[in-house]
Amino acid sequence: MDFPVVRKTLDGITGEPVALVESANFSPEEKAVLSEAVRLLEYESFTARVTYALGRGASGVGAFMPETARKLASRAAAAALRRAMVIAIGSLDAGKAEPARTRLHKSMLTASGAAGGAFGLAALPMELPFSTILVLRAIADVARAEGEDLSQPEAAIACMEVFAMSGRASDDDQMDSAYFALRAVLASSVSEAAKHVARFGLSGAGAPVMVRLLSQIAGRFGIVVSQKIAAQSIPVIGAIGGGAINYAFAEHFTGLARGHFTVRRLERAHGIEAVRAEYERLAAIWRTNRGDVRKA
């Protein structure tokens, strides 16, 4: 059942006043793409993708990692994101909205992973920044396809947000969405960073507000990097396995990007509160009916 929304409220993501549209009538097509966004943002995990790519032998990826490996993952993630942040602020091409074409990025990532797999973990400090920038380019392609103007700092920062997202395990029946909870955690930092970039541009990339946002993103991105390291540590993973892991890495984050920018597109049409309410309703359907949007 759809419902009217007729009041002004504070944007739950940015804290800015917004006027919501008078009616939150979602078409069947919008419900379908929003249901797919729920699946991508809440129920698709990187470990599941790696397990699918490598087989059951990788099912325990990320379950246990030595402290030294975790520290390596944290350092590598932070360094990779610093380079990606500069790209996001300075040189993402706005272009025009058209269907996303991420195949080239994924092909390059697979080749990069194959090279990294051949040389083992020693290649990670060089391979991960390159892979992260390629993933950022693919994320930006998805953003453009969903109508984002990447010449605007807020849209570029939204691309960086994707690195902080991770799907929830499919057997987790927690009621609140992990996606909106994360956006709430990052809201203040995202808003301040976007304003800072709008004023200072690339020269302000090392400012405290940017460092704070980068630290928040890196802490979450590092979890996926840890899982990537764990998968690459499997004996005799080799070049083929390294390529498969990087392909899963690209698939994971471009999937999250599709979900994230679908939600943002619908928010521009219907308002944040209305979209969140519909998202939570469809998430409940996912929990009980395995995503059958026809029962919406």
C-alpha atoms as a PDB file:
ATOM      1  CA  MET A   1       0.000   0.000   0.000  1.00  0.00           C
ATOM      2  CA  ASP A   2       1.373   3.406  -0.995  1.00  0.00           C
ATOM      3  CA  PHE A   3       0.989   6.402   1.266  1.00  0.00           C
ATOM      4  CA  PRO A   4       0.990  10.226   0.991  1.00  0.00           C
ATOM      5  CA  VAL A   5       3.907  12.320   2.229  1.00  0.00           C
ATOM      6  CA  VAL A   6       2.995  16.002   2.515  1.00  0.00           C
ATOM      7  CA  ARG A   7       5.413  17.628   4.964  1.00  0.00           C
ATOM      8  CA  LYS A   8       8.841  19.169   5.014  1.00  0.00           C
ATOM      9  CA  THR A   9      11.451  17.370   7.064  1.00  0.00           C
ATOM     10  CA  LEU A  10      15.178  17.123   7.677  1.00  0.00           C
ATOM     11  CA  ASP A  11      17.030  14.995   5.182  1.00  0.00           C
ATOM     12  CA  GLY A  12      18.059  11.923   7.182  1.00  0.00           C
ATOM     13  CA  ILE A  13      21.284  11.635   5.206  1.00  0.00           C
ATOM     14  CA  THR A  14      22.578  15.212   4.932  1.00  0.00           C
ATOM     15  CA  GLY A  15      20.717  16.988   7.728  1.00  0.00           C
ATOM     16  CA  GLU A  16      19.454  19.623   5.255  1.00  0.00           C
ATOM     17  CA  PRO A  17      15.754  20.684   5.069  1.00  0.00           C
ATOM     18  CA  VAL A  18      13.953  19.014   2.183  1.00  0.00           C
ATOM     19  CA  ALA A  19      10.406  19.087   0.839  1.00  0.00           C
ATOM     20  CA  LEU A  20       9.007  15.648   0.124  1.00  0.00           C
ATOM     21  CA  VAL A  21       6.658  15.111  -2.789  1.00  0.00           C
ATOM     22  CA  GLU A  22       2.954  14.889  -2.060  1.00  0.00           C
ATOM     23  CA  SER A  23       2.637  11.276  -3.116  1.00  0.00           C
ATOM     24  CA  ALA A  24       5.024   8.365  -2.814  1.00  0.00           C
ATOM     25  CA  ASN A  25       3.552   6.157  -5.526  1.00  0.00           C
ATOM     26  CA  PHE A  26       6.168   3.687  -6.657  1.00  0.00           C
ATOM     27  CA  SER A  27       5.631   2.044 -10.029  1.00  0.00           C
ATOM     28  CA  PRO A  28       6.052  -1.726 -10.371  1.00  0.00           C
ATOM     29  CA  GLU A  29       9.341  -1.071 -12.198  1.00  0.00           C
ATOM     30  CA  GLU A  30      10.586   1.147  -9.360  1.00  0.00           C
ATOM     31  CA  LYS A  31       9.623  -1.477  -6.796  1.00  0.00           C
ATOM     32  CA  ALA A  32      11.499  -4.103  -8.796  1.00  0.00           C
ATOM     33  CA  VAL A  33      14.727  -2.073  -9.072  1.00  0.00           C
ATOM     34  CA  LEU A  34      14.490  -1.062  -5.408  1.00  0.00           C
ATOM     35  CA  SER A  35      14.030  -4.707  -4.413  1.00  0.00           C
ATOM     36  CA  GLU A  36      17.159  -5.541  -6.423  1.00  0.00           C
ATOM     37  CA  ALA A  37      18.964  -2.709  -4.600  1.00  0.00           C
ATOM     38  CA  VAL A  38      17.951  -4.309  -1.283  1.00  0.00           C
ATOM     39  CA  ARG A  39      19.445  -7.616  -2.418  1.00  0.00           C
ATOM     40  CA  LEU A  40      22.691  -6.007  -3.516  1.00  0.00           C
ATOM     41  CA  LEU A  41      23.113  -3.756  -0.480  1.00  0.00           C
ATOM     42  CA  GLU A  42      21.933  -6.099   2.263  1.00  0.00           C
ATOM     43  CA  TYR A  43      22.428  -9.699   1.137  1.00  0.00           C
ATOM     44  CA  GLU A  44      25.360  -9.943  -1.297  1.00  0.00           C
ATOM     45  CA  SER A  45      28.716 -10.446   0.445  1.00  0.00           C
ATOM     46  CA  PHE A  46      32.228 -10.410  -0.960  1.00  0.00           C
ATOM     47  CA  THR A  47      33.012 -13.774   0.652  1.00  0.00           C
ATOM     48  CA  ALA A  48      30.008 -15.321  -1.098  1.00  0.00           C
ATOM     49  CA  ARG A  49      31.248 -14.022  -4.441  1.00  0.00           C
ATOM     50  CA  VAL A  50      34.776 -15.337  -3.788  1.00  0.00           C
ATOM     51  CA  THR A  51      33.401 -18.716  -2.712  1.00  0.00           C
ATOM     52  CA  TYR A  52      31.396 -18.883  -5.932  1.00  0.00           C
ATOM     53  CA  ALA A  53      34.474 -17.932  -7.973  1.00  0.00           C
ATOM     54  CA  LEU A  54      36.932 -20.316  -6.263  1.00  0.00           C
ATOM     55  CA  GLY A  55      34.663 -23.119  -5.095  1.00  0.00           C
ATOM     56  CA  ARG A  56      33.971 -24.566  -1.663  1.00  0.00           C
ATOM     57  CA  GLY A  57      37.636 -24.499  -0.728  1.00  0.00           C
ATOM     58  CA  ALA A  58      37.298 -20.754  -0.197  1.00  0.00           C
ATOM     59  CA  SER A  59      34.190 -20.964   2.000  1.00  0.00           C
ATOM     60  CA  GLY A  60      36.149 -20.036   5.129  1.00  0.00           C
ATOM     61  CA  VAL A  61      37.723 -16.906   3.637  1.00  0.00           C
ATOM     62  CA  GLY A  62      37.976 -14.168   6.226  1.00  0.00           C
ATOM     63  CA  ALA A  63      37.020 -16.411   9.148  1.00  0.00           C
ATOM     64  CA  PHE A  64      40.481 -16.149  10.634  1.00  0.00           C
ATOM     65  CA  MET A  65      43.393 -13.917   9.800  1.00  0.00           C
ATOM     66  CA  PRO A  66      46.644 -13.308  11.668  1.00  0.00           C
ATOM     67  CA  GLU A  67      47.044  -9.861  13.193  1.00  0.00           C
ATOM     68  CA  THR A  68      49.933  -9.110  10.828  1.00  0.00           C
ATOM     69  CA  ALA A  69      47.675  -9.750   7.833  1.00  0.00           C
ATOM     70  CA  ARG A  70      44.974  -7.508   9.296  1.00  0.00           C
ATOM     71  CA  LYS A  71      47.485  -4.699   9.733  1.00  0.00           C
ATOM     72  CA  LEU A  72      48.685  -5.185   6.174  1.00  0.00           C
ATOM     73  CA  ALA A  73      45.081  -5.009   4.969  1.00  0.00           C
ATOM     74  CA  SER A  74      44.452  -1.817   6.935  1.00  0.00           C
ATOM     75  CA  ARG A  75      47.546  -0.070   5.592  1.00  0.00           C
ATOM     76  CA  ALA A  76      46.912  -1.206   2.028  1.00  0.00           C
ATOM     77  CA  ALA A  77      43.259  -0.133   2.170  1.00  0.00           C
ATOM     78  CA  ALA A  78      44.099   3.344   3.487  1.00  0.00           C
ATOM     79  CA  ALA A  79      46.807   3.881   0.868  1.00  0.00           C
ATOM     80  CA  ALA A  80      44.539   2.702  -1.951  1.00  0.00           C
ATOM     81  CA  LEU A  81      41.705   4.954  -0.837  1.00  0.00           C
ATOM     82  CA  ARG A  82      43.968   8.003  -0.582  1.00  0.00           C
ATOM     83  CA  ARG A  83      44.847   7.602  -4.239  1.00  0.00           C
ATOM     84  CA  ALA A  84      41.234   6.935  -5.193  1.00  0.00           C
ATOM     85  CA  MET A  85      40.089  10.031  -3.269  1.00  0.00           C
ATOM     86  CA  VAL A  86      42.368  12.236  -5.352  1.00  0.00           C
ATOM     87  CA  ILE A  87      40.883  10.727  -8.515  1.00  0.00           C
ATOM     88  CA  ALA A  88      37.332  11.177  -7.195  1.00  0.00           C
ATOM     89  CA  ILE A  89      37.908  14.835  -6.355  1.00  0.00           C
ATOM     90  CA  GLY A  90      39.977  15.811  -9.340  1.00  0.00           C
ATOM     91  CA  SER A  91      39.265  13.827 -12.456  1.00  0.00           C
ATOM     92  CA  LEU A  92      36.021  11.859 -12.555  1.00  0.00           C
ATOM     93  CA  ASP A  93      34.467  12.602 -15.943  1.00  0.00           C
ATOM     94  CA  ALA A  94      30.912  13.927 -15.593  1.00  0.00           C
ATOM     95  CA  GLY A  95      29.825  12.842 -19.067  1.00  0.00           C
ATOM     96  CA  LYS A  96      26.180  12.110 -19.849  1.00  0.00           C
ATOM     97  CA  ALA A  97      23.839   9.561 -18.324  1.00  0.00           C
ATOM     98  CA  GLU A  98      23.870   6.349 -20.357  1.00  0.00           C
ATOM     99  CA  PRO A  99      23.842   2.617 -19.568  1.00  0.00           C
ATOM    100  CA  ALA A 100      26.835   1.640 -17.447  1.00  0.00           C
ATOM    101  CA  ARG A 101      29.595  -0.218 -19.288  1.00  0.00           C
ATOM    102  CA  THR A 102      31.819  -1.794 -16.647  1.00  0.00           C
ATOM    103  CA  ARG A 103      33.131  -4.750 -18.669  1.00  0.00           C
ATOM    104  CA  LEU A 104      36.422  -3.032 -19.565  1.00  0.00           C
ATOM    105  CA  HIS A 105      37.140  -2.185 -15.930  1.00  0.00           C
ATOM    106  CA  LYS A 106      36.401  -5.759 -14.866  1.00  0.00           C
ATOM    107  CA  SER A 107      38.636  -7.162 -17.601  1.00  0.00           C
ATOM    108  CA  MET A 108      41.502  -4.931 -16.496  1.00  0.00           C
ATOM    109  CA  LEU A 109      40.920  -5.903 -12.869  1.00  0.00           C
ATOM    110  CA  THR A 110      40.975  -9.594 -13.752  1.00  0.00           C
ATOM    111  CA  ALA A 111      44.299  -9.116 -15.526  1.00  0.00           C
ATOM    112  CA  SER A 112      45.649  -7.157 -12.562  1.00  0.00           C
ATOM    113  CA  GLY A 113      44.541  -9.895 -10.175  1.00  0.00           C
ATOM    114  CA  ALA A 114      46.160 -12.551 -12.321  1.00  0.00           C
ATOM    115  CA  ALA A 115      49.462 -10.688 -12.131  1.00  0.00           C
ATOM    116  CA  GLY A 116      49.073 -10.227  -8.393  1.00  0.00           C
ATOM    117  CA  GLY A 117      48.182 -13.884  -7.926  1.00  0.00           C
ATOM    118  CA  ALA A 118      51.339 -14.920  -9.724  1.00  0.00           C
ATOM    119  CA  PHE A 119      53.523 -12.915  -7.325  1.00  0.00           C
ATOM    120  CA  GLY A 120      51.508 -13.506  -4.144  1.00  0.00           C
ATOM    121  CA  LEU A 121      50.926 -11.076  -1.283  1.00  0.00           C
ATOM    122  CA  ALA A 122      54.153  -9.223  -2.027  1.00  0.00           C
ATOM    123  CA  ALA A 123      52.342  -7.603  -4.971  1.00  0.00           C
ATOM    124  CA  LEU A 124      49.431  -6.309  -2.855  1.00  0.00           C
ATOM    125  CA  PRO A 125      50.823  -2.818  -2.028  1.00  0.00           C
ATOM    126  CA  MET A 126      51.184  -2.165  -5.763  1.00  0.00           C
ATOM    127  CA  GLU A 127      48.174  -4.099  -7.024  1.00  0.00           C
ATOM    128  CA  LEU A 128      45.511  -2.871  -4.585  1.00  0.00           C
ATOM    129  CA  PRO A 129      45.744   0.896  -5.354  1.00  0.00           C
ATOM    130  CA  PHE A 130      45.520   0.127  -9.074  1.00  0.00           C
ATOM    131  CA  SER A 131      42.549  -2.198  -8.505  1.00  0.00           C
ATOM    132  CA  THR A 132      40.798   0.319  -6.254  1.00  0.00           C
ATOM    133  CA  ILE A 133      41.100   3.097  -8.840  1.00  0.00           C
ATOM    134  CA  LEU A 134      39.709   0.789 -11.530  1.00  0.00           C
ATOM    135  CA  VAL A 135      36.794  -0.084  -9.238  1.00  0.00           C
ATOM    136  CA  LEU A 136      36.217   3.646  -8.613  1.00  0.00           C
ATOM    137  CA  ARG A 137      36.012   4.207 -12.367  1.00  0.00           C
ATOM    138  CA  ALA A 138      33.440   1.409 -12.646  1.00  0.00           C
ATOM    139  CA  ILE A 139      31.471   2.884  -9.712  1.00  0.00           C
ATOM    140  CA  ALA A 140      31.493   6.286 -11.447  1.00  0.00           C
ATOM    141  CA  ASP A 141      30.174   4.658 -14.624  1.00  0.00           C
ATOM    142  CA  VAL A 142      27.254   3.213 -12.646  1.00  0.00           C
ATOM    143  CA  ALA A 143      26.656   6.599 -10.986  1.00  0.00           C
ATOM    144  CA  ARG A 144      26.429   8.365 -14.357  1.00  0.00           C
ATOM    145  CA  ALA A 145      24.000   5.733 -15.620  1.00  0.00           C
ATOM    146  CA  GLU A 146      21.722   6.518 -12.666  1.00  0.00           C
ATOM    147  CA  GLY A 147      21.755  10.256 -13.441  1.00  0.00           C
ATOM    148  CA  GLU A 148      24.479  11.508 -11.080  1.00  0.00           C
ATOM    149  CA  ASP A 149      26.367  14.665 -12.081  1.00  0.00           C
ATOM    150  CA  LEU A 150      29.959  13.797 -11.218  1.00  0.00           C
ATOM    151  CA  SER A 151      31.047  17.389 -11.653  1.00  0.00           C
ATOM    152  CA  GLN A 152      29.327  17.990  -8.309  1.00  0.00           C
ATOM    153  CA  PRO A 153      31.447  17.207  -5.213  1.00  0.00           C
ATOM    154  CA  GLU A 154      28.567  15.478  -3.415  1.00  0.00           C
ATOM    155  CA  ALA A 155      28.214  12.943  -6.255  1.00  0.00           C
ATOM    156  CA  ALA A 156      31.958  12.269  -6.354  1.00  0.00           C
ATOM    157  CA  ILE A 157      31.982  11.722  -2.580  1.00  0.00           C
ATOM    158  CA  ALA A 158      28.993   9.377  -2.996  1.00  0.00           C
ATOM    159  CA  CYS A 159      31.212   7.238  -5.256  1.00  0.00           C
ATOM    160  CA  MET A 160      33.761   7.003  -2.443  1.00  0.00           C
ATOM    161  CA  GLU A 161      30.964   6.029  -0.009  1.00  0.00           C
ATOM    162  CA  VAL A 162      30.495   2.771  -1.904  1.00  0.00           C
ATOM    163  CA  PHE A 163      33.847   1.506  -0.608  1.00  0.00           C
ATOM    164  CA  ALA A 164      32.426   1.608   2.926  1.00  0.00           C
ATOM    165  CA  MET A 165      29.472  -0.628   2.075  1.00  0.00           C
ATOM    166  CA  SER A 166      29.275  -4.364   2.452  1.00  0.00           C
ATOM    167  CA  GLY A 167      26.411  -6.787   2.018  1.00  0.00           C
ATOM    168  CA  ARG A 168      24.876  -8.498   5.032  1.00  0.00           C
ATOM    169  CA  ALA A 169      24.910 -12.276   5.340  1.00  0.00           C
ATOM    170  CA  SER A 170      21.771 -13.811   3.871  1.00  0.00           C
ATOM    171  CA  ASP A 171      20.799 -15.502   7.154  1.00  0.00           C
ATOM    172  CA  ASP A 172      20.830 -12.253   9.148  1.00  0.00           C
ATOM    173  CA  ASP A 173      17.224 -11.356   9.976  1.00  0.00           C
ATOM    174  CA  GLN A 174      17.993  -8.048  11.683  1.00  0.00           C
ATOM    175  CA  MET A 175      15.116  -5.651  11.055  1.00  0.00           C
ATOM    176  CA  ASP A 176      16.920  -2.380  10.289  1.00  0.00           C
ATOM    177  CA  SER A 177      18.824  -1.972   7.057  1.00  0.00           C
ATOM    178  CA  ALA A 178      22.599  -1.951   7.280  1.00  0.00           C
ATOM    179  CA  TYR A 179      22.658   0.383   4.280  1.00  0.00           C
ATOM    180  CA  PHE A 180      20.720   3.276   5.811  1.00  0.00           C
ATOM    181  CA  ALA A 181      22.469   2.782   9.152  1.00  0.00           C
ATOM    182  CA  LEU A 182      25.826   3.220   7.413  1.00  0.00           C
ATOM    183  CA  ARG A 183      24.675   6.315   5.551  1.00  0.00           C
ATOM    184  CA  ALA A 184      23.583   7.810   8.856  1.00  0.00           C
ATOM    185  CA  VAL A 185      27.014   7.116  10.375  1.00  0.00           C
ATOM    186  CA  LEU A 186      28.779   8.755   7.428  1.00  0.00           C
ATOM    187  CA  ALA A 187      26.267  11.600   6.944  1.00  0.00           C
ATOM    188  CA  SER A 188      28.109  14.343   8.798  1.00  0.00           C
ATOM    189  CA  SER A 189      31.495  13.494   7.295  1.00  0.00           C
ATOM    190  CA  VAL A 190      30.057  13.212   3.779  1.00  0.00           C
ATOM    191  CA  SER A 191      28.280  16.565   4.045  1.00  0.00           C
ATOM    192  CA  GLU A 192      31.332  18.372   5.438  1.00  0.00           C
ATOM    193  CA  ALA A 193      33.658  16.774   2.874  1.00  0.00           C
ATOM    194  CA  ALA A 194      31.407  17.744  -0.047  1.00  0.00           C
ATOM    195  CA  LYS A 195      31.249  21.359   1.149  1.00  0.00           C
ATOM    196  CA  HIS A 196      35.023  21.414   1.615  1.00  0.00           C
ATOM    197  CA  VAL A 197      35.682  20.051  -1.879  1.00  0.00           C
ATOM    198  CA  ALA A 198      33.232  22.544  -3.387  1.00  0.00           C
ATOM    199  CA  ARG A 199      35.242  25.359  -1.804  1.00  0.00           C
ATOM    200  CA  PHE A 200      38.835  24.140  -2.099  1.00  0.00           C
ATOM    201  CA  GLY A 201      38.786  21.413  -4.746  1.00  0.00           C
ATOM    202  CA  LEU A 202      41.690  19.030  -5.099  1.00  0.00           C
ATOM    203  CA  SER A 203      44.024  21.211  -3.009  1.00  0.00           C
ATOM    204  CA  GLY A 204      41.943  20.418   0.076  1.00  0.00           C
ATOM    205  CA  ALA A 205      42.260  16.631  -0.131  1.00  0.00           C
ATOM    206  CA  GLY A 206      44.461  16.486   2.974  1.00  0.00           C
ATOM    207  CA  ALA A 207      42.243  18.652   5.166  1.00  0.00           C
ATOM    208  CA  PRO A 208      40.985  17.230   8.488  1.00  0.00           C
ATOM    209  CA  VAL A 209      37.414  16.828   7.220  1.00  0.00           C
ATOM    210  CA  MET A 210      38.688  14.744   4.283  1.00  0.00           C
ATOM    211  CA  VAL A 211      41.011  12.697   6.488  1.00  0.00           C
ATOM    212  CA  ARG A 212      38.090  11.954   8.832  1.00  0.00           C
ATOM    213  CA  LEU A 213      35.895  10.696   5.992  1.00  0.00           C
ATOM    214  CA  LEU A 214      38.732   8.673   4.507  1.00  0.00           C
ATOM    215  CA  SER A 215      39.419   7.078   7.884  1.00  0.00           C
ATOM    216  CA  GLN A 216      35.769   6.054   8.281  1.00  0.00           C
ATOM    217  CA  ILE A 217      35.650   4.560   4.793  1.00  0.00           C
ATOM    218  CA  ALA A 218      39.031   2.831   5.140  1.00  0.00           C
ATOM    219  CA  GLY A 219      37.974   1.118   8.367  1.00  0.00           C
ATOM    220  CA  ARG A 220      35.132  -0.622   6.536  1.00  0.00           C
ATOM    221  CA  PHE A 221      36.866  -1.091   3.200  1.00  0.00           C
ATOM    222  CA  GLY A 222      39.709  -2.783   5.070  1.00  0.00           C
ATOM    223  CA  ILE A 223      37.370  -5.633   6.046  1.00  0.00           C
ATOM    224  CA  VAL A 224      36.848  -6.548   2.391  1.00  0.00           C
ATOM    225  CA  VAL A 225      40.566  -6.087   1.705  1.00  0.00           C
ATOM    226  CA  SER A 226      41.269  -8.501   4.595  1.00  0.00           C
ATOM    227  CA  GLN A 227      38.993 -11.058   2.948  1.00  0.00           C
ATOM    228  CA  LYS A 228      40.741 -10.449  -0.371  1.00  0.00           C
ATOM    229  CA  ILE A 229      44.126 -11.061   1.277  1.00  0.00           C
ATOM    230  CA  ALA A 230      42.814 -14.215   2.940  1.00  0.00           C
ATOM    231  CA  ALA A 231      41.593 -15.551  -0.401  1.00  0.00           C
ATOM    232  CA  GLN A 232      44.892 -14.712  -2.083  1.00  0.00           C
ATOM    233  CA  SER A 233      46.700 -16.539   0.749  1.00  0.00           C
ATOM    234  CA  ILE A 234      45.097 -19.865  -0.146  1.00  0.00           C
ATOM    235  CA  PRO A 235      47.918 -22.221  -1.175  1.00  0.00           C
ATOM    236  CA  VAL A 236      48.542 -22.499  -4.936  1.00  0.00           C
ATOM    237  CA  ILE A 237      45.964 -19.790  -5.664  1.00  0.00           C
ATOM    238  CA  GLY A 238      48.100 -18.722  -8.622  1.00  0.00           C
ATOM    239  CA  ALA A 239      47.318 -16.371 -11.468  1.00  0.00           C
ATOM    240  CA  ILE A 240      43.928 -17.871 -12.377  1.00  0.00           C
ATOM    241  CA  GLY A 241      42.663 -17.644  -8.805  1.00  0.00           C
ATOM    242  CA  GLY A 242      44.041 -14.124  -8.428  1.00  0.00           C
ATOM    243  CA  GLY A 243      42.124 -13.039 -11.498  1.00  0.00           C
ATOM    244  CA  ALA A 244      38.927 -14.659 -10.194  1.00  0.00           C
ATOM    245  CA  ILE A 245      39.305 -12.896  -6.829  1.00  0.00           C
ATOM    246  CA  ASN A 246      39.734  -9.514  -8.492  1.00  0.00           C
ATOM    247  CA  TYR A 247      36.722 -10.149 -10.703  1.00  0.00           C
ATOM    248  CA  ALA A 248      34.692 -10.913  -7.563  1.00  0.00           C
ATOM    249  CA  PHE A 249      36.112  -7.723  -6.003  1.00  0.00           C
ATOM    250  CA  ALA A 250      34.888  -5.689  -8.986  1.00  0.00           C
ATOM    251  CA  GLU A 251      31.511  -7.428  -9.071  1.00  0.00           C
ATOM    252  CA  HIS A 252      31.009  -6.795  -5.364  1.00  0.00           C
ATOM    253  CA  PHE A 253      31.583  -3.057  -5.494  1.00  0.00           C
ATOM    254  CA  THR A 254      29.829  -2.408  -8.801  1.00  0.00           C
ATOM    255  CA  GLY A 255      26.841  -4.298  -7.382  1.00  0.00           C
ATOM    256  CA  LEU A 256      26.876  -2.092  -4.303  1.00  0.00           C
ATOM    257  CA  ALA A 257      27.154   0.934  -6.595  1.00  0.00           C
ATOM    258  CA  ARG A 258      24.091  -0.157  -8.577  1.00  0.00           C
ATOM    259  CA  GLY A 259      22.112  -0.474  -5.370  1.00  0.00           C
ATOM    260  CA  HIS A 260      23.391   2.804  -3.869  1.00  0.00           C
ATOM    261  CA  PHE A 261      22.790   4.953  -6.937  1.00  0.00           C
ATOM    262  CA  THR A 262      19.409   3.347  -7.623  1.00  0.00           C
ATOM    263  CA  VAL A 263      18.338   4.424  -4.135  1.00  0.00           C
ATOM    264  CA  ARG A 264      19.715   7.936  -4.686  1.00  0.00           C
ATOM    265  CA  ARG A 265      17.908   8.242  -8.033  1.00  0.00           C
ATOM    266  CA  LEU A 266      14.607   7.256  -6.445  1.00  0.00           C
ATOM    267  CA  GLU A 267      15.245   9.656  -3.560  1.00  0.00           C
ATOM    268  CA  ARG A 268      15.510  12.492  -6.067  1.00  0.00           C
ATOM    269  CA  ALA A 269      12.088  11.509  -7.413  1.00  0.00           C
ATOM    270  CA  HIS A 270      10.209  10.601  -4.230  1.00  0.00           C
ATOM    271  CA  GLY A 271      12.131  12.011  -1.235  1.00  0.00           C
ATOM    272  CA  ILE A 272      14.376  10.250   1.237  1.00  0.00           C
ATOM    273  CA  GLU A 273      11.795   9.288   3.867  1.00  0.00           C
ATOM    274  CA  ALA A 274       9.433   7.760   1.315  1.00  0.00           C
ATOM    275  CA  VAL A 275      12.214   5.737  -0.326  1.00  0.00           C
ATOM    276  CA  ARG A 276      13.539   4.519   3.002  1.00  0.00           C
ATOM    277  CA  ALA A 277      10.067   3.387   4.069  1.00  0.00           C
ATOM    278  CA  GLU A 278       9.602   1.498   0.794  1.00  0.00           C
ATOM    279  CA  TYR A 279      13.126   0.075   1.044  1.00  0.00           C
ATOM    280  CA  GLU A 280      12.444  -1.260   4.553  1.00  0.00           C
ATOM    281  CA  ARG A 281       9.123  -2.716   3.396  1.00  0.00           C
ATOM    282  CA  LEU A 282      10.799  -4.500   0.487  1.00  0.00           C
ATOM    283  CA  ALA A 283      13.614  -5.636   2.802  1.00  0.00           C
ATOM    284  CA  ALA A 284      10.962  -7.297   4.985  1.00  0.00           C
ATOM    285  CA  ILE A 285       9.615  -9.051   1.883  1.00  0.00           C
ATOM    286  CA  TRP A 286      13.152 -10.221   1.087  1.00  0.00           C
ATOM    287  CA  ARG A 287      13.447 -11.668   4.583  1.00  0.00           C
ATOM    288  CA  THR A 288      10.154 -13.547   4.400  1.00  0.00           C
ATOM    289  CA  ASN A 289       9.621 -14.285   0.708  1.00  0.00           C
ATOM    290  CA  ARG A 290      13.195 -14.322  -0.662  1.00  0.00           C
ATOM    291  CA  GLY A 291      12.779 -11.134  -2.645  1.00  0.00           C
ATOM    292  CA  ASP A 292       9.527 -11.922  -4.494  1.00  0.00           C
ATOM    293  CA  VAL A 293       8.533  -8.321  -5.291  1.00  0.00           C
ATOM    294  CA  ARG A 294       5.265  -9.570  -6.794  1.00  0.00           C
ATOM    295  CA  LYS A 295       4.049  -9.949  -3.207  1.00  0.00           C
ATOM    296  CA  ALA A 296       4.681  -6.235  -2.532  1.00  0.00           C
END
